[in-house]
Protein backbone atom coordinates (compact mmCIF):
# COMPACT_ATOMS: atom_id res chain seq x y z
CA UNK A 1 9.66 20.67 -9.69
CA UNK A 2 10.75 18.89 -12.83
CA UNK A 3 8.07 17.95 -15.32
CA UNK A 4 9.66 14.61 -16.13
CA UNK A 5 8.91 12.95 -12.78
CA UNK A 6 6.29 10.24 -13.25
CA UNK A 7 4.42 8.82 -10.27
CA UNK A 8 2.91 5.35 -10.79
CA UNK A 9 0.34 4.95 -8.05
CA UNK A 10 -3.36 5.04 -7.22
CA UNK A 11 -3.01 8.40 -5.50
CA UNK A 12 -1.87 11.59 -7.31
CA UNK A 13 0.64 14.03 -5.85
CA UNK A 14 0.92 17.71 -6.65
CA UNK A 15 3.74 18.78 -8.97
CA UNK A 16 4.46 15.45 -10.68
CA UNK A 17 2.92 13.56 -13.59
CA UNK A 18 0.56 11.00 -12.09
CA UNK A 19 -0.05 7.75 -13.96
CA UNK A 20 -2.84 5.65 -12.51
CA UNK A 21 -1.22 2.25 -12.98
CA UNK A 22 -3.90 0.19 -11.21
CA UNK A 23 -7.65 -0.27 -11.40
CA UNK A 24 -9.41 -1.09 -8.12
CA UNK A 25 -12.48 -3.32 -7.78
CA UNK A 26 -14.12 -3.09 -4.33
CA UNK A 27 -15.85 -6.02 -2.63
CA UNK A 28 -18.45 -6.09 0.15
CA UNK A 29 -18.18 -9.43 1.98
CA UNK A 30 -20.37 -9.87 5.04
CA UNK A 31 -18.54 -8.79 8.21
CA UNK A 32 -19.68 -8.76 11.84
CA UNK A 33 -17.34 -6.24 13.41
CA UNK A 34 -18.60 -7.15 16.91
CA UNK A 35 -16.54 -10.34 16.70
CA UNK A 36 -13.22 -8.45 16.81
CA UNK A 37 -11.10 -6.29 19.08
CA UNK A 38 -8.92 -4.61 16.44
CA UNK A 39 -8.73 -3.98 12.72
CA UNK A 40 -5.60 -4.13 10.55
CA UNK A 41 -5.56 -1.73 7.59
CA UNK A 42 -2.61 -1.51 5.20
CA UNK A 43 -4.01 0.67 2.41
CA UNK A 44 -6.30 3.64 1.90
CA UNK A 45 -8.39 1.62 -0.57
CA UNK A 46 -9.80 -0.28 2.40
CA UNK A 47 -11.36 2.96 3.64
CA UNK A 48 -13.14 3.33 0.32
CA UNK A 49 -14.52 -0.19 0.69
CA UNK A 50 -15.62 0.51 4.29
CA UNK A 51 -17.94 3.26 3.05
CA UNK A 52 -20.26 0.43 2.01
CA UNK A 53 -20.55 -0.79 5.62
CA UNK A 54 -22.27 0.31 8.81
CA UNK A 55 -20.17 2.71 10.86
CA UNK A 56 -19.68 0.10 13.60
CA UNK A 57 -16.18 -0.51 12.24
CA UNK A 58 -15.22 2.87 13.69
CA UNK A 59 -15.60 1.42 17.20
CA UNK A 60 -12.58 -0.82 16.65
CA UNK A 61 -9.06 0.61 17.07
CA UNK A 62 -7.01 0.24 13.89
CA UNK A 63 -3.47 -0.99 13.47
CA UNK A 64 -2.35 0.94 10.37
CA UNK A 65 0.64 0.08 8.21
CA UNK A 66 2.12 3.60 8.36
CA UNK A 67 1.42 7.16 9.47
CA UNK A 68 -0.27 8.33 6.21
CA UNK A 69 -2.70 5.41 6.42
CA UNK A 70 -3.34 6.18 10.09
CA UNK A 71 -4.12 9.80 9.22
CA UNK A 72 -6.58 8.62 6.55
CA UNK A 73 -8.27 6.35 9.10
CA UNK A 74 -8.73 9.24 11.52
CA UNK A 75 -10.03 11.47 8.71
CA UNK A 76 -12.59 8.78 7.88
CA UNK A 77 -13.80 8.79 11.48
CA UNK A 78 -11.88 5.80 12.80
CA UNK A 79 -9.48 5.59 15.72
CA UNK A 80 -5.88 4.40 15.79
CA UNK A 81 -4.41 1.69 18.00
CA UNK A 82 -0.89 2.04 16.60
CA UNK A 83 0.77 2.47 13.24
CA UNK A 84 3.81 0.77 11.79
CA UNK A 85 6.81 1.89 9.80
CA UNK A 86 5.31 0.93 6.43
CA UNK A 87 6.36 -2.72 6.32
CA UNK A 88 4.43 -5.90 7.13
CA UNK A 89 7.22 -7.37 9.25
CA UNK A 90 6.91 -4.38 11.54
CA UNK A 91 3.17 -5.03 11.94
CA UNK A 92 3.91 -8.58 13.08
CA UNK A 93 6.16 -7.23 15.82
CA UNK A 94 3.37 -4.92 17.01
CA UNK A 95 0.77 -7.70 16.97
CA UNK A 96 3.08 -9.96 19.00
CA UNK A 97 3.15 -7.31 21.73
CA UNK A 98 -0.58 -7.81 22.41
CA UNK A 99 -2.19 -10.75 24.24
CA UNK A 100 -2.71 -13.79 22.03
CA UNK A 101 -6.43 -13.92 22.84
CA UNK A 102 -7.07 -10.55 21.17
CA UNK A 103 -9.11 -10.92 17.98
CA UNK A 104 -7.79 -9.16 14.88
CA UNK A 105 -9.49 -8.61 11.52
CA UNK A 106 -7.13 -7.96 8.62
CA UNK A 107 -8.95 -6.09 5.84
CA UNK A 108 -6.79 -6.73 2.79
CA UNK A 109 -6.36 -6.80 -0.95
CA UNK A 110 -6.67 -10.03 -2.92
CA UNK A 111 -2.93 -9.97 -3.58
CA UNK A 112 -0.64 -8.76 -0.80
CA UNK A 113 3.10 -8.23 -0.71
CA UNK A 114 3.69 -9.29 2.89
CA UNK A 115 2.83 -12.55 4.66
CA UNK A 116 2.87 -11.02 8.14
CA UNK A 117 -0.64 -12.34 8.88
CA UNK A 118 0.46 -15.93 8.21
CA UNK A 119 3.51 -15.43 10.41
CA UNK A 120 1.28 -14.15 13.21
CA UNK A 121 -1.14 -17.07 12.87
CA UNK A 122 1.70 -19.56 12.97
CA UNK A 123 2.75 -17.98 16.26
CA UNK A 124 -0.67 -18.36 17.83
CA UNK A 125 -2.26 -14.98 17.09
CA UNK A 126 -6.00 -14.83 16.41
CA UNK A 127 -6.31 -13.15 13.00
CA UNK A 128 -9.08 -13.42 10.43
CA UNK A 129 -8.55 -12.12 6.89
CA UNK A 130 -11.20 -10.63 4.60
CA UNK A 131 -10.55 -9.62 0.98
CA UNK A 132 -11.96 -6.14 0.40
CA UNK A 133 -10.58 -5.24 -3.03
CA UNK A 134 -8.62 -6.41 -6.04
CA UNK A 135 -6.27 -4.45 -8.26
CA UNK A 136 -5.68 -5.01 -11.96
CA UNK A 137 -3.48 -3.14 -14.40
CA UNK A 138 -4.91 0.13 -15.69
CA UNK A 139 -5.49 0.70 -19.41
CA UNK A 140 -3.88 4.11 -18.96
CA UNK A 141 -0.44 2.47 -18.96
CA UNK A 142 -0.81 1.30 -22.55
CA UNK A 143 -0.95 4.76 -24.11
CA UNK A 144 1.32 6.80 -21.83
CA UNK A 145 4.63 7.95 -23.32
CA UNK A 146 7.58 7.98 -20.91
CA UNK A 147 10.62 10.16 -21.59
CA UNK A 148 13.95 8.36 -21.77
CA UNK A 149 15.50 10.70 -19.17
CA UNK A 150 12.53 10.68 -16.79
CA UNK A 151 12.44 9.84 -13.09
CA UNK A 152 9.94 7.05 -12.36
CA UNK A 153 8.42 6.56 -8.90
CA UNK A 154 6.75 3.29 -7.92
CA UNK A 155 4.74 2.85 -4.73
CA UNK A 156 3.87 -0.87 -4.90
CA UNK A 157 5.12 -4.10 -6.49
CA UNK A 158 1.94 -4.17 -8.59
CA UNK A 159 2.68 -0.76 -10.07
CA UNK A 160 6.08 -2.04 -11.22
CA UNK A 161 4.65 -5.26 -12.65
CA UNK A 162 1.93 -3.40 -14.55
CA UNK A 163 4.44 -0.89 -15.95
CA UNK A 164 6.62 -3.70 -17.28
CA UNK A 165 3.71 -5.23 -19.19
CA UNK A 166 3.80 -2.27 -21.58
CA UNK A 167 7.21 -0.60 -21.12
CA UNK A 168 10.88 -1.30 -20.47
CA UNK A 169 13.24 0.51 -18.15
CA UNK A 170 15.87 2.67 -19.88
CA UNK A 171 19.40 3.06 -18.53
CA UNK A 172 18.90 6.83 -18.71
CA UNK A 173 15.87 6.74 -16.40
CA UNK A 174 16.02 7.18 -12.63
CA UNK A 175 13.95 4.65 -10.70
CA UNK A 176 12.64 5.44 -7.20
CA UNK A 177 10.76 2.87 -5.10
CA UNK A 178 8.84 3.45 -1.87
CA UNK A 179 10.42 0.55 0.03
CA UNK A 180 12.19 -2.80 -0.01
CA UNK A 181 9.05 -4.79 -0.88
CA UNK A 182 8.51 -2.73 -4.04
CA UNK A 183 12.23 -2.96 -4.80
CA UNK A 184 11.94 -6.74 -5.11
CA UNK A 185 9.71 -6.25 -8.16
CA UNK A 186 12.45 -4.36 -10.04
CA UNK A 187 14.21 -6.67 -12.53
CA UNK A 188 17.77 -7.74 -11.83
CA UNK A 189 20.34 -5.41 -13.35
CA UNK A 190 18.12 -2.31 -13.17
CA UNK A 191 19.47 0.39 -10.87
CA UNK A 192 17.06 2.01 -8.43
CA UNK A 193 16.96 4.05 -5.24
CA UNK A 194 14.80 3.46 -2.17
CA UNK A 195 13.04 6.38 -0.49
CA UNK A 196 14.34 7.30 2.96
CA UNK A 197 10.87 6.66 4.42
CA UNK A 198 8.06 4.49 3.01
CA UNK A 199 5.91 7.49 2.12
CA UNK A 200 5.00 9.19 -1.13
CA UNK A 201 6.45 12.47 0.12
CA UNK A 202 9.80 10.79 0.75
CA UNK A 203 9.72 9.34 -2.79
CA UNK A 204 9.19 12.82 -4.22
CA UNK A 205 12.04 14.21 -2.14
CA UNK A 206 14.35 11.45 -3.34
CA UNK A 207 13.34 12.20 -6.95
CA UNK A 208 14.23 15.86 -6.50
CA UNK A 209 17.73 15.13 -5.16
């Protein structure tokens, strides 16, 4: 694999240069998991935050945003209700397929890219939201040197926004984004490609093409 593929994400991937673009601060708000039927988890950082809680959360089936998140839930000892295609709009469709009286708990970041929870609430779904972590830009981005002919992979809108605080996109660079939500963070006029699937592996495959 080429050495000039840079991955801007929280999670490293073998064979590429990983730049940790975000710093995560975990929170521990009080939660009574007995009040809910299902959990909604859209990131692996939530599982890190759940380590600070009693294992009763594992009794609740989880609606995960995508297959990799679902696999991480199972690895952590949880159980899966369903998993989506990687986009919030898809999660709303799944939630609508369940009875309105079901009680959902959305464990989320302080800043989220999708408003699917609001859409569900406006349509009568019973969803509570709890902020479990916050991301800020990593200091690592300030000192990293990016080659002008490099391929840059971004896995979240925040990773793009943090990159642009310290760097500019070059016309000679190839930009790969994990999905349409992240693509919206790319400035107008900058060319990019979207991975075939909203997974890190698909991003790497697109970068190798």
